[in-house]
Amino acid sequence: MSLLPDSPDMYTDNCTKPGQIVASNCYIRLTVFVVTVVLIAACAVINLFQTYLIQEFPSEVWSRDYTNMTNATGIPIHIDVESAPSYLYSSVLTLASISVFLRIGFVLKLLFMIATLVTHISLFASAELFSQYQYKDFDTEFSMLPYSAKAGVVLVFLACLLHILDRQIEFTSRSDFLWKDKLKFEQEEVETMRGINKILLENILPAHVAQHFLTSVASKLLLKPKFSCIEKIKTIGSTYMIASGLRPGKEDTSKPQYDIWGNTVNVASRMDSTGVMGKIQVTEDTAKVLMNAGYTCECRGPTYVKGKGTLVTYFVKTPTTGGGL
């Protein structure tokens, strides 16, 4: 009898379930956020309540023996004054810990930052440790200002910077969400339109014939990024017409009208319909361009083209038609 889950997927789901619950439940997220921030903020300044002033012992105290010294009353505990900046660094880490929660609103983060700033700066201003730190000449920069005031300026500046970053992160996250939601909606529209087109195509053609055109290999090739500039025009018999870089323009000589593909596609279609099986037929202008590029073209002669009249056309020589390049 196995004690393991029946499938790896079940085991994976059991492992990720707690994280999914926290990510999907706002009340649990807020509880974790509040408890974590309060604990970090308290740990950053809790030692301030256990410190005493460093006082100079009277000379007669130093002359006593160690036993009498430990039994003396009113002797303060010696705390290193140089450790005062560590409380500032701890407050900085507290503000940073508030900012790292990505699933919490930036307004709520700002409120907790303000509460942390007010609490810590008030403790710094009332703590004798910071006054003693400046009195002992450890703080030499801007010595006219109290060290607690300078610490407050640093914390306020950092809180403003973190608030700006939080606002930018939330703006980016909201934009990503809207883009993903829009993309999902557009994909659903594409799938719906694809289903409608398939139904219409199957109403016109037999199902197996419609499936042949829907799964065309040539159409799948156009989905690749390197063929993104190429667009399918239409299929003419066994010919698959594609185009790239064409401009819209006017077509037809007797009754000119605007066409999105212009004259180029119209002439190409006529070259296919009036051509010869297994050969590439082009107009005289195209043949000149190809011959300048090193291709060999054979003149077919005047050919009647519907909508264009009589045109001089050429066959392009290729290895498959017995010619060369």
C-alpha atoms as a PDB file:
ATOM      1  CA  MET A   1       0.000   0.000   0.000  1.00  0.00           C
ATOM      2  CA  SER A   2       1.523   3.304  -1.096  1.00  0.00           C
ATOM      3  CA  LEU A   3       1.379   6.366   1.104  1.00  0.00           C
ATOM      4  CA  LEU A   4       2.165   8.699  -1.805  1.00  0.00           C
ATOM      5  CA  PRO A   5      -0.514  10.495  -3.837  1.00  0.00           C
ATOM      6  CA  ASP A   6      -1.876   8.685  -6.853  1.00  0.00           C
ATOM      7  CA  SER A   7      -0.367  11.120  -9.341  1.00  0.00           C
ATOM      8  CA  PRO A   8       2.430  13.751  -9.465  1.00  0.00           C
ATOM      9  CA  ASP A   9      -0.161  16.411 -10.290  1.00  0.00           C
ATOM     10  CA  MET A  10      -1.966  15.720  -7.041  1.00  0.00           C
ATOM     11  CA  TYR A  11       1.288  16.060  -5.113  1.00  0.00           C
ATOM     12  CA  THR A  12       2.076  19.332  -6.883  1.00  0.00           C
ATOM     13  CA  ASP A  13      -1.380  20.707  -6.144  1.00  0.00           C
ATOM     14  CA  ASN A  14      -1.016  19.862  -2.457  1.00  0.00           C
ATOM     15  CA  CYS A  15       2.337  21.663  -2.319  1.00  0.00           C
ATOM     16  CA  THR A  16       1.126  24.814  -4.012  1.00  0.00           C
ATOM     17  CA  LYS A  17      -2.261  24.989  -2.318  1.00  0.00           C
ATOM     18  CA  PRO A  18      -1.150  27.077   0.732  1.00  0.00           C
ATOM     19  CA  GLY A  19       0.526  29.635  -1.504  1.00  0.00           C
ATOM     20  CA  GLN A  20      -2.531  29.814  -3.741  1.00  0.00           C
ATOM     21  CA  ILE A  21      -4.769  30.344  -0.722  1.00  0.00           C
ATOM     22  CA  VAL A  22      -2.627  33.247   0.520  1.00  0.00           C
ATOM     23  CA  ALA A  23      -2.449  34.772  -2.969  1.00  0.00           C
ATOM     24  CA  SER A  24      -6.201  34.565  -3.553  1.00  0.00           C
ATOM     25  CA  ASN A  25      -7.448  35.608  -0.080  1.00  0.00           C
ATOM     26  CA  CYS A  26      -7.028  39.315   0.665  1.00  0.00           C
ATOM     27  CA  TYR A  27      -7.772  38.907   4.389  1.00  0.00           C
ATOM     28  CA  ILE A  28      -4.951  36.400   4.851  1.00  0.00           C
ATOM     29  CA  ARG A  29      -2.587  38.649   2.888  1.00  0.00           C
ATOM     30  CA  LEU A  30      -3.465  41.646   5.047  1.00  0.00           C
ATOM     31  CA  THR A  31      -3.030  39.613   8.222  1.00  0.00           C
ATOM     32  CA  VAL A  32       0.404  38.366   7.155  1.00  0.00           C
ATOM     33  CA  PHE A  33       1.386  41.888   6.107  1.00  0.00           C
ATOM     34  CA  VAL A  34       0.286  43.548   9.350  1.00  0.00           C
ATOM     35  CA  VAL A  35       1.830  40.908  11.626  1.00  0.00           C
ATOM     36  CA  THR A  36       5.129  40.899   9.711  1.00  0.00           C
ATOM     37  CA  VAL A  37       5.467  44.689   9.621  1.00  0.00           C
ATOM     38  CA  VAL A  38       4.565  45.123  13.295  1.00  0.00           C
ATOM     39  CA  LEU A  39       7.085  42.477  14.376  1.00  0.00           C
ATOM     40  CA  ILE A  40       9.891  43.949  12.259  1.00  0.00           C
ATOM     41  CA  ALA A  41       9.128  47.510  13.393  1.00  0.00           C
ATOM     42  CA  ALA A  42       9.069  46.437  17.043  1.00  0.00           C
ATOM     43  CA  CYS A  43      12.302  44.446  16.781  1.00  0.00           C
ATOM     44  CA  ALA A  44      14.023  47.464  15.203  1.00  0.00           C
ATOM     45  CA  VAL A  45      13.621  49.681  18.287  1.00  0.00           C
ATOM     46  CA  ILE A  46      12.865  47.345  21.186  1.00  0.00           C
ATOM     47  CA  ASN A  47      16.426  47.548  22.499  1.00  0.00           C
ATOM     48  CA  LEU A  48      16.030  51.287  23.041  1.00  0.00           C
ATOM     49  CA  PHE A  49      13.926  50.501  26.100  1.00  0.00           C
ATOM     50  CA  GLN A  50      16.789  48.500  27.642  1.00  0.00           C
ATOM     51  CA  THR A  51      19.567  51.065  27.285  1.00  0.00           C
ATOM     52  CA  TYR A  52      20.851  53.425  29.955  1.00  0.00           C
ATOM     53  CA  LEU A  53      23.090  56.440  29.887  1.00  0.00           C
ATOM     54  CA  ILE A  54      26.783  55.815  29.962  1.00  0.00           C
ATOM     55  CA  GLN A  55      27.869  57.620  33.060  1.00  0.00           C
ATOM     56  CA  GLU A  56      31.305  58.079  34.490  1.00  0.00           C
ATOM     57  CA  PHE A  57      31.803  56.065  37.638  1.00  0.00           C
ATOM     58  CA  PRO A  58      33.182  57.953  40.682  1.00  0.00           C
ATOM     59  CA  SER A  59      36.839  57.341  41.411  1.00  0.00           C
ATOM     60  CA  GLU A  60      36.011  55.543  44.667  1.00  0.00           C
ATOM     61  CA  VAL A  61      33.873  53.053  42.780  1.00  0.00           C
ATOM     62  CA  TRP A  62      36.801  52.039  40.576  1.00  0.00           C
ATOM     63  CA  SER A  63      38.920  51.458  43.750  1.00  0.00           C
ATOM     64  CA  ARG A  64      36.474  48.858  45.071  1.00  0.00           C
ATOM     65  CA  ASP A  65      36.886  45.230  44.304  1.00  0.00           C
ATOM     66  CA  TYR A  66      34.776  43.552  41.659  1.00  0.00           C
ATOM     67  CA  THR A  67      32.436  41.914  44.192  1.00  0.00           C
ATOM     68  CA  ASN A  68      31.575  45.164  45.890  1.00  0.00           C
ATOM     69  CA  MET A  69      31.143  46.790  42.484  1.00  0.00           C
ATOM     70  CA  THR A  70      28.566  44.261  41.350  1.00  0.00           C
ATOM     71  CA  ASN A  71      26.674  44.587  44.616  1.00  0.00           C
ATOM     72  CA  ALA A  72      26.519  48.372  44.379  1.00  0.00           C
ATOM     73  CA  THR A  73      23.129  49.879  43.714  1.00  0.00           C
ATOM     74  CA  GLY A  74      22.314  52.506  41.127  1.00  0.00           C
ATOM     75  CA  ILE A  75      25.184  51.566  38.808  1.00  0.00           C
ATOM     76  CA  PRO A  76      24.003  51.840  35.187  1.00  0.00           C
ATOM     77  CA  ILE A  77      24.533  49.108  32.613  1.00  0.00           C
ATOM     78  CA  HIS A  78      27.272  50.017  30.130  1.00  0.00           C
ATOM     79  CA  ILE A  79      25.985  50.150  26.539  1.00  0.00           C
ATOM     80  CA  ASP A  80      28.215  51.038  23.577  1.00  0.00           C
ATOM     81  CA  VAL A  81      27.138  54.460  22.293  1.00  0.00           C
ATOM     82  CA  GLU A  82      28.597  53.722  18.856  1.00  0.00           C
ATOM     83  CA  SER A  83      25.691  51.333  18.212  1.00  0.00           C
ATOM     84  CA  ALA A  84      23.235  54.239  17.820  1.00  0.00           C
ATOM     85  CA  PRO A  85      23.335  54.220  13.967  1.00  0.00           C
ATOM     86  CA  SER A  86      22.292  50.566  13.980  1.00  0.00           C
ATOM     87  CA  TYR A  87      18.813  51.651  15.086  1.00  0.00           C
ATOM     88  CA  LEU A  88      18.613  53.940  12.071  1.00  0.00           C
ATOM     89  CA  TYR A  89      19.631  51.071   9.779  1.00  0.00           C
ATOM     90  CA  SER A  90      16.999  48.865  11.400  1.00  0.00           C
ATOM     91  CA  SER A  91      14.358  51.504  10.688  1.00  0.00           C
ATOM     92  CA  VAL A  92      15.503  51.630   7.069  1.00  0.00           C
ATOM     93  CA  LEU A  93      15.062  47.856   6.818  1.00  0.00           C
ATOM     94  CA  THR A  94      11.607  48.212   8.359  1.00  0.00           C
ATOM     95  CA  LEU A  95      10.530  50.668   5.660  1.00  0.00           C
ATOM     96  CA  ALA A  96      12.003  48.401   2.988  1.00  0.00           C
ATOM     97  CA  SER A  97      10.115  45.411   4.395  1.00  0.00           C
ATOM     98  CA  ILE A  98       6.855  47.347   4.050  1.00  0.00           C
ATOM     99  CA  SER A  99       7.577  48.080   0.407  1.00  0.00           C
ATOM    100  CA  VAL A 100       8.410  44.504  -0.657  1.00  0.00           C
ATOM    101  CA  PHE A 101       4.811  43.261  -0.361  1.00  0.00           C
ATOM    102  CA  LEU A 102       3.633  43.354  -3.976  1.00  0.00           C
ATOM    103  CA  ARG A 103       0.006  42.312  -3.427  1.00  0.00           C
ATOM    104  CA  ILE A 104      -0.708  45.134  -0.958  1.00  0.00           C
ATOM    105  CA  GLY A 105      -2.094  48.515  -2.064  1.00  0.00           C
ATOM    106  CA  PHE A 106       0.330  51.433  -2.133  1.00  0.00           C
ATOM    107  CA  VAL A 107      -2.014  53.579  -0.003  1.00  0.00           C
ATOM    108  CA  LEU A 108      -1.998  51.011   2.806  1.00  0.00           C
ATOM    109  CA  LYS A 109       1.794  50.786   2.541  1.00  0.00           C
ATOM    110  CA  LEU A 110       2.014  54.568   2.829  1.00  0.00           C
ATOM    111  CA  LEU A 111      -0.114  54.553   5.990  1.00  0.00           C
ATOM    112  CA  PHE A 112       2.121  51.942   7.608  1.00  0.00           C
ATOM    113  CA  MET A 113       5.233  53.874   6.559  1.00  0.00           C
ATOM    114  CA  ILE A 114       3.858  57.046   8.148  1.00  0.00           C
ATOM    115  CA  ALA A 115       2.981  55.180  11.351  1.00  0.00           C
ATOM    116  CA  THR A 116       6.460  53.640  11.443  1.00  0.00           C
ATOM    117  CA  LEU A 117       8.112  57.016  10.830  1.00  0.00           C
ATOM    118  CA  VAL A 118       6.163  58.757  13.585  1.00  0.00           C
ATOM    119  CA  THR A 119       6.870  55.983  16.088  1.00  0.00           C
ATOM    120  CA  HIS A 120      10.565  55.562  15.350  1.00  0.00           C
ATOM    121  CA  ILE A 121      11.372  59.271  15.062  1.00  0.00           C
ATOM    122  CA  SER A 122       9.583  59.941  18.359  1.00  0.00           C
ATOM    123  CA  LEU A 123      11.615  57.215  20.058  1.00  0.00           C
ATOM    124  CA  PHE A 124      14.841  58.516  18.541  1.00  0.00           C
ATOM    125  CA  ALA A 125      14.105  62.046  19.732  1.00  0.00           C
ATOM    126  CA  SER A 126      13.403  60.912  23.303  1.00  0.00           C
ATOM    127  CA  ALA A 127      16.214  58.353  23.563  1.00  0.00           C
ATOM    128  CA  GLU A 128      19.273  59.558  25.461  1.00  0.00           C
ATOM    129  CA  LEU A 129      21.404  57.172  23.426  1.00  0.00           C
ATOM    130  CA  PHE A 130      21.248  59.467  20.378  1.00  0.00           C
ATOM    131  CA  SER A 131      22.051  62.548  22.427  1.00  0.00           C
ATOM    132  CA  GLN A 132      25.017  60.764  23.986  1.00  0.00           C
ATOM    133  CA  TYR A 133      26.136  59.629  20.525  1.00  0.00           C
ATOM    134  CA  GLN A 134      26.351  63.237  19.365  1.00  0.00           C
ATOM    135  CA  TYR A 135      27.811  64.394  22.683  1.00  0.00           C
ATOM    136  CA  LYS A 136      30.680  61.902  22.382  1.00  0.00           C
ATOM    137  CA  ASP A 137      31.628  63.468  19.011  1.00  0.00           C
ATOM    138  CA  PHE A 138      30.867  60.313  17.041  1.00  0.00           C
ATOM    139  CA  ASP A 139      28.608  62.368  14.765  1.00  0.00           C
ATOM    140  CA  THR A 140      30.823  64.957  13.048  1.00  0.00           C
ATOM    141  CA  GLU A 141      28.736  65.840   9.961  1.00  0.00           C
ATOM    142  CA  PHE A 142      26.215  68.654  10.443  1.00  0.00           C
ATOM    143  CA  SER A 143      26.981  68.598  14.137  1.00  0.00           C
ATOM    144  CA  MET A 144      24.672  71.548  14.780  1.00  0.00           C
ATOM    145  CA  LEU A 145      21.640  69.349  14.115  1.00  0.00           C
ATOM    146  CA  PRO A 146      20.618  66.619  16.563  1.00  0.00           C
ATOM    147  CA  TYR A 147      21.388  63.145  15.337  1.00  0.00           C
ATOM    148  CA  SER A 148      17.749  62.152  15.794  1.00  0.00           C
ATOM    149  CA  ALA A 149      16.692  64.982  13.440  1.00  0.00           C
ATOM    150  CA  LYS A 150      19.151  63.842  10.782  1.00  0.00           C
ATOM    151  CA  ALA A 151      17.919  60.279  11.162  1.00  0.00           C
ATOM    152  CA  GLY A 152      14.358  61.534  10.704  1.00  0.00           C
ATOM    153  CA  VAL A 153      15.270  63.349   7.483  1.00  0.00           C
ATOM    154  CA  VAL A 154      16.869  60.189   6.089  1.00  0.00           C
ATOM    155  CA  LEU A 155      13.837  58.078   6.972  1.00  0.00           C
ATOM    156  CA  VAL A 156      11.365  60.579   5.503  1.00  0.00           C
ATOM    157  CA  PHE A 157      13.352  60.786   2.256  1.00  0.00           C
ATOM    158  CA  LEU A 158      13.521  56.996   2.029  1.00  0.00           C
ATOM    159  CA  ALA A 159       9.784  56.676   2.717  1.00  0.00           C
ATOM    160  CA  CYS A 160       9.000  59.143  -0.093  1.00  0.00           C
ATOM    161  CA  LEU A 161      11.260  57.246  -2.487  1.00  0.00           C
ATOM    162  CA  LEU A 162       9.693  53.897  -1.596  1.00  0.00           C
ATOM    163  CA  HIS A 163       6.208  55.362  -1.981  1.00  0.00           C
ATOM    164  CA  ILE A 164       7.044  56.561  -5.503  1.00  0.00           C
ATOM    165  CA  LEU A 165       8.394  53.116  -6.382  1.00  0.00           C
ATOM    166  CA  ASP A 166       5.300  51.434  -4.919  1.00  0.00           C
ATOM    167  CA  ARG A 167       3.046  53.705  -6.965  1.00  0.00           C
ATOM    168  CA  GLN A 168       4.997  52.949 -10.133  1.00  0.00           C
ATOM    169  CA  ILE A 169       4.911  49.204  -9.467  1.00  0.00           C
ATOM    170  CA  GLU A 170       1.159  49.257  -8.863  1.00  0.00           C
ATOM    171  CA  PHE A 171       0.603  51.310 -12.014  1.00  0.00           C
ATOM    172  CA  THR A 172       2.614  48.792 -14.020  1.00  0.00           C
ATOM    173  CA  SER A 173       0.785  45.858 -12.439  1.00  0.00           C
ATOM    174  CA  ARG A 174      -2.612  47.378 -13.193  1.00  0.00           C
ATOM    175  CA  SER A 175      -1.571  48.097 -16.783  1.00  0.00           C
ATOM    176  CA  ASP A 176      -0.358  44.510 -17.206  1.00  0.00           C
ATOM    177  CA  PHE A 177      -3.643  43.213 -15.830  1.00  0.00           C
ATOM    178  CA  LEU A 178      -5.674  45.360 -18.228  1.00  0.00           C
ATOM    179  CA  TRP A 179      -3.508  44.312 -21.182  1.00  0.00           C
ATOM    180  CA  LYS A 180      -3.838  40.642 -20.284  1.00  0.00           C
ATOM    181  CA  ASP A 181      -7.586  41.013 -19.852  1.00  0.00           C
ATOM    182  CA  LYS A 182      -7.844  42.761 -23.215  1.00  0.00           C
ATOM    183  CA  LEU A 183      -5.665  40.101 -24.860  1.00  0.00           C
ATOM    184  CA  LYS A 184      -7.825  37.344 -23.382  1.00  0.00           C
ATOM    185  CA  PHE A 185     -10.967  39.053 -24.694  1.00  0.00           C
ATOM    186  CA  GLU A 186      -9.444  39.446 -28.167  1.00  0.00           C
ATOM    187  CA  GLN A 187      -8.323  35.813 -28.192  1.00  0.00           C
ATOM    188  CA  GLU A 188     -11.859  34.737 -27.332  1.00  0.00           C
ATOM    189  CA  GLU A 189     -13.165  36.883 -30.191  1.00  0.00           C
ATOM    190  CA  VAL A 190     -10.650  35.291 -32.568  1.00  0.00           C
ATOM    191  CA  GLU A 191     -11.669  31.796 -31.473  1.00  0.00           C
ATOM    192  CA  THR A 192     -15.347  32.682 -31.898  1.00  0.00           C
ATOM    193  CA  MET A 193     -14.735  34.121 -35.359  1.00  0.00           C
ATOM    194  CA  ARG A 194     -12.654  31.087 -36.305  1.00  0.00           C
ATOM    195  CA  GLY A 195     -15.483  28.790 -35.280  1.00  0.00           C
ATOM    196  CA  ILE A 196     -18.003  30.829 -37.275  1.00  0.00           C
ATOM    197  CA  ASN A 197     -15.755  30.781 -40.362  1.00  0.00           C
ATOM    198  CA  LYS A 198     -15.307  27.033 -40.032  1.00  0.00           C
ATOM    199  CA  ILE A 199     -19.066  26.491 -39.852  1.00  0.00           C
ATOM    200  CA  LEU A 200     -19.629  28.713 -42.901  1.00  0.00           C
ATOM    201  CA  LEU A 201     -16.870  26.945 -44.827  1.00  0.00           C
ATOM    202  CA  GLU A 202     -18.284  23.520 -44.006  1.00  0.00           C
ATOM    203  CA  ASN A 203     -21.690  24.695 -45.251  1.00  0.00           C
ATOM    204  CA  ILE A 204     -20.123  25.544 -48.619  1.00  0.00           C
ATOM    205  CA  LEU A 205     -17.616  22.686 -48.983  1.00  0.00           C
ATOM    206  CA  PRO A 206     -17.521  19.096 -47.810  1.00  0.00           C
ATOM    207  CA  ALA A 207     -16.040  18.715 -44.333  1.00  0.00           C
ATOM    208  CA  HIS A 208     -12.873  16.936 -45.513  1.00  0.00           C
ATOM    209  CA  VAL A 209     -12.243  19.588 -48.192  1.00  0.00           C
ATOM    210  CA  ALA A 210     -12.775  22.406 -45.702  1.00  0.00           C
ATOM    211  CA  GLN A 211     -10.375  20.727 -43.279  1.00  0.00           C
ATOM    212  CA  HIS A 212      -7.757  20.578 -46.045  1.00  0.00           C
ATOM    213  CA  PHE A 213      -7.865  24.340 -46.545  1.00  0.00           C
ATOM    214  CA  LEU A 214      -8.028  25.074 -42.821  1.00  0.00           C
ATOM    215  CA  THR A 215      -4.881  23.034 -42.164  1.00  0.00           C
ATOM    216  CA  SER A 216      -2.929  24.368 -45.132  1.00  0.00           C
ATOM    217  CA  VAL A 217       0.819  24.106 -44.563  1.00  0.00           C
ATOM    218  CA  ALA A 218       1.425  27.380 -46.419  1.00  0.00           C
ATOM    219  CA  SER A 219      -0.918  29.237 -44.067  1.00  0.00           C
ATOM    220  CA  LYS A 220       0.883  27.792 -41.038  1.00  0.00           C
ATOM    221  CA  LEU A 221       4.224  29.010 -42.391  1.00  0.00           C
ATOM    222  CA  LEU A 222       2.925  32.586 -42.399  1.00  0.00           C
ATOM    223  CA  LEU A 223       2.427  32.354 -38.629  1.00  0.00           C
ATOM    224  CA  LYS A 224       6.196  32.267 -38.081  1.00  0.00           C
ATOM    225  CA  PRO A 225       7.777  35.588 -36.999  1.00  0.00           C
ATOM    226  CA  LYS A 226      10.159  35.723 -39.973  1.00  0.00           C
ATOM    227  CA  PHE A 227       7.156  35.718 -42.344  1.00  0.00           C
ATOM    228  CA  SER A 228       5.231  38.405 -40.436  1.00  0.00           C
ATOM    229  CA  CYS A 229       5.681  40.924 -43.275  1.00  0.00           C
ATOM    230  CA  ILE A 230       4.090  38.540 -45.813  1.00  0.00           C
ATOM    231  CA  GLU A 231       0.327  38.462 -46.205  1.00  0.00           C
ATOM    232  CA  LYS A 232      -1.845  35.944 -47.960  1.00  0.00           C
ATOM    233  CA  ILE A 233      -3.869  37.463 -50.812  1.00  0.00           C
ATOM    234  CA  LYS A 234      -5.898  34.542 -52.152  1.00  0.00           C
ATOM    235  CA  THR A 235      -5.702  31.119 -53.740  1.00  0.00           C
ATOM    236  CA  ILE A 236      -6.265  30.790 -57.488  1.00  0.00           C
ATOM    237  CA  GLY A 237      -6.680  27.166 -58.413  1.00  0.00           C
ATOM    238  CA  SER A 238      -3.431  25.534 -57.340  1.00  0.00           C
ATOM    239  CA  THR A 239      -1.697  28.914 -56.952  1.00  0.00           C
ATOM    240  CA  TYR A 240      -1.140  30.351 -53.486  1.00  0.00           C
ATOM    241  CA  MET A 241      -0.747  34.123 -53.836  1.00  0.00           C
ATOM    242  CA  ILE A 242       1.110  36.067 -51.161  1.00  0.00           C
ATOM    243  CA  ALA A 243       2.392  39.644 -51.138  1.00  0.00           C
ATOM    244  CA  SER A 244       4.742  41.859 -49.174  1.00  0.00           C
ATOM    245  CA  GLY A 245       5.235  45.616 -49.229  1.00  0.00           C
ATOM    246  CA  LEU A 246       2.358  46.377 -51.616  1.00  0.00           C
ATOM    247  CA  ARG A 247       0.604  49.718 -51.616  1.00  0.00           C
ATOM    248  CA  PRO A 248      -3.094  50.320 -52.250  1.00  0.00           C
ATOM    249  CA  GLY A 249      -4.038  51.996 -55.505  1.00  0.00           C
ATOM    250  CA  LYS A 250      -6.254  52.102 -58.606  1.00  0.00           C
ATOM    251  CA  GLU A 251      -7.096  49.135 -60.817  1.00  0.00           C
ATOM    252  CA  ASP A 252      -9.083  48.488 -64.006  1.00  0.00           C
ATOM    253  CA  THR A 253      -8.769  50.789 -67.025  1.00  0.00           C
ATOM    254  CA  SER A 254     -12.388  50.954 -68.197  1.00  0.00           C
ATOM    255  CA  LYS A 255     -13.906  51.453 -64.757  1.00  0.00           C
ATOM    256  CA  PRO A 256     -11.196  52.617 -62.333  1.00  0.00           C
ATOM    257  CA  GLN A 257     -11.783  51.801 -58.694  1.00  0.00           C
ATOM    258  CA  TYR A 258      -9.760  51.849 -55.512  1.00  0.00           C
ATOM    259  CA  ASP A 259      -8.376  48.519 -54.377  1.00  0.00           C
ATOM    260  CA  ILE A 260      -6.520  47.784 -51.164  1.00  0.00           C
ATOM    261  CA  TRP A 261      -3.860  45.849 -53.087  1.00  0.00           C
ATOM    262  CA  GLY A 262      -3.777  48.018 -56.189  1.00  0.00           C
ATOM    263  CA  ASN A 263      -2.786  47.059 -59.722  1.00  0.00           C
ATOM    264  CA  THR A 264       0.023  44.687 -58.729  1.00  0.00           C
ATOM    265  CA  VAL A 265      -2.159  41.908 -57.360  1.00  0.00           C
ATOM    266  CA  ASN A 266      -4.636  42.256 -60.222  1.00  0.00           C
ATOM    267  CA  VAL A 267      -1.920  41.826 -62.857  1.00  0.00           C
ATOM    268  CA  ALA A 268      -0.358  38.935 -60.933  1.00  0.00           C
ATOM    269  CA  SER A 269      -3.712  37.171 -60.906  1.00  0.00           C
ATOM    270  CA  ARG A 270      -4.032  37.645 -64.673  1.00  0.00           C
ATOM    271  CA  MET A 271      -0.510  36.305 -65.209  1.00  0.00           C
ATOM    272  CA  ASP A 272      -1.539  33.136 -63.419  1.00  0.00           C
ATOM    273  CA  SER A 273      -4.855  32.719 -65.240  1.00  0.00           C
ATOM    274  CA  THR A 274      -3.287  33.252 -68.699  1.00  0.00           C
ATOM    275  CA  GLY A 275      -0.099  31.369 -67.966  1.00  0.00           C
ATOM    276  CA  VAL A 276       1.142  27.881 -68.829  1.00  0.00           C
ATOM    277  CA  MET A 277       1.255  25.032 -66.337  1.00  0.00           C
ATOM    278  CA  GLY A 278       4.716  24.631 -64.797  1.00  0.00           C
ATOM    279  CA  LYS A 279       6.014  28.015 -65.970  1.00  0.00           C
ATOM    280  CA  ILE A 280       6.285  31.454 -64.376  1.00  0.00           C
ATOM    281  CA  GLN A 281       4.764  34.192 -66.537  1.00  0.00           C
ATOM    282  CA  VAL A 282       5.601  37.847 -65.854  1.00  0.00           C
ATOM    283  CA  THR A 283       5.042  41.180 -67.544  1.00  0.00           C
ATOM    284  CA  GLU A 284       7.688  42.991 -69.577  1.00  0.00           C
ATOM    285  CA  ASP A 285       8.493  45.430 -66.762  1.00  0.00           C
ATOM    286  CA  THR A 286       8.998  42.595 -64.294  1.00  0.00           C
ATOM    287  CA  ALA A 287      11.105  40.671 -66.829  1.00  0.00           C
ATOM    288  CA  LYS A 288      13.482  43.633 -67.211  1.00  0.00           C
ATOM    289  CA  VAL A 289      13.993  43.794 -63.457  1.00  0.00           C
ATOM    290  CA  LEU A 290      14.627  40.036 -63.280  1.00  0.00           C
ATOM    291  CA  MET A 291      17.081  40.081 -66.201  1.00  0.00           C
ATOM    292  CA  ASN A 292      19.033  42.919 -64.576  1.00  0.00           C
ATOM    293  CA  ALA A 293      19.228  40.723 -61.475  1.00  0.00           C
ATOM    294  CA  GLY A 294      20.763  37.850 -63.493  1.00  0.00           C
ATOM    295  CA  TYR A 295      17.698  35.775 -64.332  1.00  0.00           C
ATOM    296  CA  THR A 296      16.974  34.489 -67.837  1.00  0.00           C
ATOM    297  CA  CYS A 297      13.587  35.276 -69.361  1.00  0.00           C
ATOM    298  CA  GLU A 298      12.041  33.968 -72.600  1.00  0.00           C
ATOM    299  CA  CYS A 299       9.679  36.233 -74.503  1.00  0.00           C
ATOM    300  CA  ARG A 300       6.283  34.648 -75.028  1.00  0.00           C
ATOM    301  CA  GLY A 301       4.939  37.456 -77.150  1.00  0.00           C
ATOM    302  CA  PRO A 302       1.735  39.488 -77.041  1.00  0.00           C
ATOM    303  CA  THR A 303      -0.850  37.983 -74.719  1.00  0.00           C
ATOM    304  CA  TYR A 304      -4.396  39.162 -74.171  1.00  0.00           C
ATOM    305  CA  VAL A 305      -5.000  39.976 -70.516  1.00  0.00           C
ATOM    306  CA  LYS A 306      -8.510  40.669 -69.281  1.00  0.00           C
ATOM    307  CA  GLY A 307      -8.859  44.245 -68.120  1.00  0.00           C
ATOM    308  CA  LYS A 308      -5.386  45.165 -69.454  1.00  0.00           C
ATOM    309  CA  GLY A 309      -5.621  44.476 -73.159  1.00  0.00           C
ATOM    310  CA  THR A 310      -2.665  42.940 -74.993  1.00  0.00           C
ATOM    311  CA  LEU A 311       0.570  42.741 -73.003  1.00  0.00           C
ATOM    312  CA  VAL A 312       3.995  41.411 -73.910  1.00  0.00           C
ATOM    313  CA  THR A 313       4.734  38.651 -71.424  1.00  0.00           C
ATOM    314  CA  TYR A 314       7.800  36.562 -70.608  1.00  0.00           C
ATOM    315  CA  PHE A 315       8.498  33.154 -69.095  1.00  0.00           C
ATOM    316  CA  VAL A 316      11.141  33.040 -66.371  1.00  0.00           C
ATOM    317  CA  LYS A 317      13.739  30.308 -66.961  1.00  0.00           C
ATOM    318  CA  THR A 318      14.333  28.126 -63.895  1.00  0.00           C
ATOM    319  CA  PRO A 319      16.197  24.823 -63.352  1.00  0.00           C
ATOM    320  CA  THR A 320      12.848  23.008 -63.194  1.00  0.00           C
ATOM    321  CA  THR A 321      11.789  24.338 -66.613  1.00  0.00           C
ATOM    322  CA  GLY A 322      15.023  23.362 -68.326  1.00  0.00           C
ATOM    323  CA  GLY A 323      16.621  26.784 -68.115  1.00  0.00           C
ATOM    324  CA  GLY A 324      19.252  28.316 -65.872  1.00  0.00           C
ATOM    325  CA  LEU A 325      19.915  31.377 -63.805  1.00  0.00           C
END
